[in-house]
């Protein structure tokens, strides 16, 4: 595409009163191309403007030299006009299809539809790493009443835990019990002596490091050899369902257009 554009620009000589900044073969770079492109708007002074111009000119010269070499080397090996035509047709069809389905595509996906797809295709989803649902709180080791907080933490007394966190600034809080994390991601937040084996076998962990106290509650651990939980793949399932609907809708639109025009004046089969 760039080679073709270069060819066409060679044929159409631009007329401009703007100063020429550089020239390679039959191609010229004019100052107003930088100005109209907004490249100089970030310049705060004359030195900035000069540096921006110089950097762009050097890049433009290198690009033009590569294009010239590519044109000499590849001109006999590829049909540029055919490539441009194919690309233009593909681009037009792609944008037309998107425009046609934009207002016709049903984007509503129910929980029942997601569950049905997972039930029928769950084996297609494989985990590449173990997953963990958990809560993590990191507190300064000098925070008040940490023993009482730890007791409420172990007892799963979330009301008291949240009240304590609201009144004592934690260093880190991860309390979304519906979110899945990779085991490696969780371990990156924790002291080095906590391993994946601990995540798998323990329900509650407490460790101290560098003057901080780490409180961990493991809600669920799923080994990478197991099937992924539905909540973890829900986003992907939605994308798949939408893609399938879009493909069917486009196929129907094409068939409807074919049936409408096949016997008309636009189509001739020899």
Protein backbone atom coordinates (compact mmCIF):
# COMPACT_ATOMS: atom_id res chain seq x y z
CA UNK A 1 0.00 0.00 0.00
CA UNK A 2 2.76 2.42 0.90
CA UNK A 3 4.67 1.55 -2.27
CA UNK A 4 1.55 2.23 -4.33
CA UNK A 5 0.99 5.53 -2.56
CA UNK A 6 4.58 6.45 -3.28
CA UNK A 7 4.11 5.65 -6.97
CA UNK A 8 0.97 7.74 -7.19
CA UNK A 9 2.57 10.67 -5.40
CA UNK A 10 5.40 10.59 -7.93
CA UNK A 11 2.90 11.00 -10.73
CA UNK A 12 1.06 13.90 -9.11
CA UNK A 13 3.50 16.72 -8.47
CA UNK A 14 2.34 18.80 -5.55
CA UNK A 15 2.31 22.57 -5.90
CA UNK A 16 3.01 24.43 -2.68
CA UNK A 17 4.47 27.74 -1.62
CA UNK A 18 5.70 26.21 1.64
CA UNK A 19 9.44 25.69 2.10
CA UNK A 20 10.82 22.29 1.14
CA UNK A 21 12.46 20.59 4.12
CA UNK A 22 13.88 17.55 2.33
CA UNK A 23 13.82 15.73 -0.97
CA UNK A 24 14.40 12.09 -1.90
CA UNK A 25 14.29 11.27 -5.62
CA UNK A 26 10.97 12.77 -6.81
CA UNK A 27 9.40 13.05 -3.35
CA UNK A 28 9.45 16.29 -1.39
CA UNK A 29 8.64 17.06 2.23
CA UNK A 30 7.08 20.50 2.76
CA UNK A 31 6.99 22.44 6.00
CA UNK A 32 3.20 22.80 5.92
CA UNK A 33 2.87 19.00 6.12
CA UNK A 34 4.31 19.17 9.64
CA UNK A 35 2.23 22.23 10.54
CA UNK A 36 -1.05 20.84 9.19
CA UNK A 37 -0.38 17.50 10.87
CA UNK A 38 -0.12 19.18 14.26
CA UNK A 39 3.44 17.99 14.85
CA UNK A 40 4.63 21.39 15.98
CA UNK A 41 1.77 22.15 18.39
CA UNK A 42 3.69 20.68 21.34
CA UNK A 43 6.74 22.86 20.73
CA UNK A 44 7.14 25.34 23.59
CA UNK A 45 9.96 27.33 22.03
CA UNK A 46 12.11 27.67 18.92
CA UNK A 47 14.58 25.01 20.07
CA UNK A 48 11.75 22.49 20.56
CA UNK A 49 10.39 23.29 17.11
CA UNK A 50 13.81 22.79 15.52
CA UNK A 51 14.33 19.43 17.27
CA UNK A 52 10.88 18.19 16.23
CA UNK A 53 11.47 19.23 12.62
CA UNK A 54 14.90 17.59 12.55
CA UNK A 55 13.64 14.32 14.01
CA UNK A 56 10.71 14.15 11.59
CA UNK A 57 12.87 15.00 8.58
CA UNK A 58 15.31 12.20 9.46
CA UNK A 59 12.46 9.72 9.83
CA UNK A 60 10.86 10.85 6.56
CA UNK A 61 14.13 10.48 4.64
CA UNK A 62 14.67 6.96 6.01
CA UNK A 63 11.11 5.96 5.12
CA UNK A 64 11.44 7.31 1.59
CA UNK A 65 14.73 5.50 1.04
CA UNK A 66 13.22 2.22 2.26
CA UNK A 67 10.20 2.75 -0.01
CA UNK A 68 12.44 3.41 -3.00
CA UNK A 69 14.45 0.25 -2.31
CA UNK A 70 11.28 -1.76 -1.77
CA UNK A 71 9.85 -0.51 -5.04
CA UNK A 72 12.98 -1.51 -6.95
CA UNK A 73 13.26 -4.88 -5.23
CA UNK A 74 9.63 -6.00 -5.11
CA UNK A 75 8.08 -4.37 -8.17
CA UNK A 76 8.45 -7.45 -10.34
CA UNK A 77 7.49 -9.91 -7.59
CA UNK A 78 4.12 -8.57 -6.44
CA UNK A 79 1.11 -7.13 -8.21
CA UNK A 80 0.56 -3.91 -6.26
CA UNK A 81 -2.60 -2.97 -8.12
CA UNK A 82 -4.18 -6.35 -7.34
CA UNK A 83 -3.16 -6.11 -3.68
CA UNK A 84 -4.65 -2.63 -3.44
CA UNK A 85 -7.86 -3.78 -5.11
CA UNK A 86 -8.18 -6.80 -2.82
CA UNK A 87 -7.50 -4.67 0.24
CA UNK A 88 -10.01 -2.03 -0.84
CA UNK A 89 -12.69 -4.64 -1.44
CA UNK A 90 -12.02 -6.34 1.91
CA UNK A 91 -12.11 -3.00 3.71
CA UNK A 92 -15.39 -1.97 2.07
CA UNK A 93 -17.05 -5.33 2.79
CA UNK A 94 -15.83 -5.35 6.41
CA UNK A 95 -17.13 -1.85 7.13
CA UNK A 96 -20.41 -2.48 5.28
CA UNK A 97 -21.04 -5.67 7.26
CA UNK A 98 -20.34 -3.86 10.52
CA UNK A 99 -22.70 -1.05 9.53
CA UNK A 100 -25.44 -3.51 8.60
CA UNK A 101 -25.28 -5.49 11.86
CA UNK A 102 -24.74 -2.52 14.15
CA UNK A 103 -28.45 -1.89 14.70
CA UNK A 104 -29.63 -5.43 14.04
CA UNK A 105 -27.40 -7.47 16.34
CA UNK A 106 -29.02 -8.67 19.55
CA UNK A 107 -26.38 -7.99 22.21
CA UNK A 108 -28.47 -9.18 25.16
CA UNK A 109 -26.99 -12.35 26.66
CA UNK A 110 -28.80 -13.94 29.58
CA UNK A 111 -27.31 -15.95 32.43
CA UNK A 112 -29.20 -18.99 31.14
CA UNK A 113 -27.58 -18.65 27.71
CA UNK A 114 -24.12 -18.40 29.27
CA UNK A 115 -24.73 -21.44 31.47
CA UNK A 116 -26.09 -23.42 28.51
CA UNK A 117 -23.05 -22.64 26.39
CA UNK A 118 -20.70 -23.56 29.25
CA UNK A 119 -22.53 -26.83 29.85
CA UNK A 120 -22.27 -27.77 26.17
CA UNK A 121 -18.73 -26.48 25.54
CA UNK A 122 -17.05 -26.39 28.94
CA UNK A 123 -14.37 -28.89 27.93
CA UNK A 124 -13.09 -26.41 25.34
CA UNK A 125 -11.94 -24.08 28.12
CA UNK A 126 -8.60 -25.09 29.64
CA UNK A 127 -6.68 -23.41 32.42
CA UNK A 128 -3.04 -22.52 31.90
CA UNK A 129 -2.54 -21.70 35.59
CA UNK A 130 -4.15 -22.38 38.94
CA UNK A 131 -6.81 -19.95 40.16
CA UNK A 132 -7.60 -18.51 43.58
CA UNK A 133 -10.51 -16.63 45.12
CA UNK A 134 -9.36 -14.93 48.28
CA UNK A 135 -9.28 -11.91 50.53
CA UNK A 136 -6.02 -10.19 51.45
CA UNK A 137 -5.31 -7.39 53.89
CA UNK A 138 -1.88 -5.93 54.64
CA UNK A 139 -1.58 -3.80 57.76
CA UNK A 140 1.25 -1.90 59.41
CA UNK A 141 2.55 -4.12 62.18
CA UNK A 142 2.11 -1.20 64.62
CA UNK A 143 -1.61 -0.80 63.86
CA UNK A 144 -3.79 -0.95 67.01
CA UNK A 145 -5.70 -4.04 68.13
CA UNK A 146 -4.34 -6.37 65.44
CA UNK A 147 -5.06 -9.37 67.68
CA UNK A 148 -8.76 -8.53 67.74
CA UNK A 149 -8.70 -7.89 63.98
CA UNK A 150 -7.06 -11.27 63.41
CA UNK A 151 -9.71 -13.00 65.51
CA UNK A 152 -12.50 -11.40 63.49
CA UNK A 153 -10.60 -12.23 60.29
CA UNK A 154 -10.33 -15.92 61.15
CA UNK A 155 -13.97 -15.99 62.29
CA UNK A 156 -15.05 -14.47 58.98
CA UNK A 157 -16.73 -11.62 60.82
CA UNK A 158 -16.78 -9.28 57.81
CA UNK A 159 -18.75 -6.52 59.49
CA UNK A 160 -16.10 -6.11 62.18
CA UNK A 161 -13.29 -6.53 59.64
CA UNK A 162 -14.69 -3.78 57.40
CA UNK A 163 -15.26 -1.49 60.39
CA UNK A 164 -11.64 -1.94 61.46
CA UNK A 165 -10.36 -1.26 57.93
CA UNK A 166 -12.47 1.88 57.69
CA UNK A 167 -10.89 3.23 60.88
CA UNK A 168 -7.30 2.06 60.36
CA UNK A 169 -5.61 2.78 57.05
CA UNK A 170 -4.55 -0.56 55.50
CA UNK A 171 -1.52 -0.81 53.23
CA UNK A 172 -3.37 -3.10 50.81
CA UNK A 173 -6.91 -4.46 50.63
CA UNK A 174 -8.32 -7.14 48.33
CA UNK A 175 -11.83 -7.98 49.49
CA UNK A 176 -13.69 -8.86 46.28
CA UNK A 177 -14.56 -12.48 46.97
CA UNK A 178 -16.10 -12.97 43.53
CA UNK A 179 -12.93 -12.17 41.60
CA UNK A 180 -10.54 -14.86 40.41
CA UNK A 181 -6.77 -14.39 40.41
CA UNK A 182 -3.96 -16.57 39.14
CA UNK A 183 -2.00 -18.25 41.91
CA UNK A 184 1.18 -16.54 40.70
CA UNK A 185 -0.49 -13.13 40.88
CA UNK A 186 -1.56 -13.73 44.48
CA UNK A 187 1.88 -15.00 45.47
CA UNK A 188 3.46 -11.84 44.05
CA UNK A 189 1.65 -9.85 46.77
CA UNK A 190 2.73 -12.11 49.62
CA UNK A 191 5.98 -12.90 51.50
CA UNK A 192 8.31 -15.33 49.74
CA UNK A 193 7.84 -18.10 52.30
CA UNK A 194 4.19 -18.51 51.23
CA UNK A 195 3.98 -20.96 48.33
CA UNK A 196 1.23 -22.23 46.05
CA UNK A 197 1.08 -25.32 48.25
CA UNK A 198 0.00 -23.04 51.12
CA UNK A 199 -2.73 -21.50 48.97
CA UNK A 200 -3.98 -24.98 48.11
CA UNK A 201 -3.90 -26.49 51.60
CA UNK A 202 -4.66 -23.57 53.93
CA UNK A 203 -7.80 -21.57 54.56
CA UNK A 204 -6.27 -18.78 56.63
CA UNK A 205 -2.71 -17.46 56.49
CA UNK A 206 -0.93 -14.82 58.54
CA UNK A 207 2.66 -13.74 57.96
CA UNK A 208 4.86 -10.82 58.97
CA UNK A 209 7.40 -9.15 56.68
CA UNK A 210 9.29 -5.84 56.83
CA UNK A 211 7.16 -4.59 59.69
CA UNK A 212 3.86 -5.40 57.98
CA UNK A 213 1.26 -8.04 58.79
CA UNK A 214 -0.29 -10.09 55.96
CA UNK A 215 -3.75 -11.58 56.47
CA UNK A 216 -4.96 -14.05 53.81
CA UNK A 217 -8.27 -15.89 53.58
CA UNK A 218 -8.42 -18.56 50.84
CA UNK A 219 -12.01 -18.92 49.66
CA UNK A 220 -11.40 -21.34 46.79
CA UNK A 221 -8.45 -22.87 44.97
CA UNK A 222 -8.75 -24.48 41.54
CA UNK A 223 -5.82 -26.42 40.16
CA UNK A 224 -4.92 -25.81 36.52
CA UNK A 225 -5.79 -29.44 35.76
CA UNK A 226 -9.43 -28.79 36.71
CA UNK A 227 -12.21 -27.19 34.69
CA UNK A 228 -12.33 -23.40 35.00
CA UNK A 229 -15.20 -21.88 36.99
CA UNK A 230 -18.05 -20.39 35.00
CA UNK A 231 -17.44 -16.90 36.40
CA UNK A 232 -13.85 -17.00 35.12
CA UNK A 233 -14.84 -17.72 31.51
CA UNK A 234 -18.10 -15.73 31.38
CA UNK A 235 -16.49 -12.81 29.56
CA UNK A 236 -15.06 -15.10 26.87
CA UNK A 237 -18.36 -16.93 26.48
CA UNK A 238 -20.16 -13.62 25.89
CA UNK A 239 -17.66 -12.72 23.16
CA UNK A 240 -18.09 -16.12 21.51
CA UNK A 241 -21.89 -15.92 21.57
CA UNK A 242 -21.83 -12.41 20.09
CA UNK A 243 -19.41 -13.51 17.38
CA UNK A 244 -21.63 -16.45 16.47
CA UNK A 245 -24.69 -14.22 16.31
CA UNK A 246 -22.84 -11.69 14.17
CA UNK A 247 -21.62 -14.38 11.77
CA UNK A 248 -25.15 -15.79 11.37
CA UNK A 249 -26.62 -12.33 10.85
CA UNK A 250 -24.03 -11.43 8.20
CA UNK A 251 -24.63 -14.75 6.43
CA UNK A 252 -28.39 -14.05 6.41
CA UNK A 253 -27.92 -10.51 5.11
CA UNK A 254 -25.73 -11.82 2.29
CA UNK A 255 -28.25 -14.54 1.40
CA UNK A 256 -31.15 -12.06 1.46
CA UNK A 257 -29.21 -9.70 -0.83
CA UNK A 258 -28.37 -12.60 -3.15
CA UNK A 259 -31.98 -13.75 -3.37
CA UNK A 260 -33.14 -10.20 -4.03
CA UNK A 261 -30.66 -9.49 -6.80
CA UNK A 262 -29.98 -12.88 -8.43
CA UNK A 263 -32.71 -12.43 -11.01
CA UNK A 264 -32.16 -8.72 -11.43
CA UNK A 265 -30.15 -6.78 -13.97
CA UNK A 266 -26.96 -6.54 -11.87
CA UNK A 267 -26.17 -10.26 -11.90
CA UNK A 268 -25.19 -12.23 -14.98
CA UNK A 269 -24.11 -15.87 -14.89
CA UNK A 270 -22.52 -17.21 -18.07
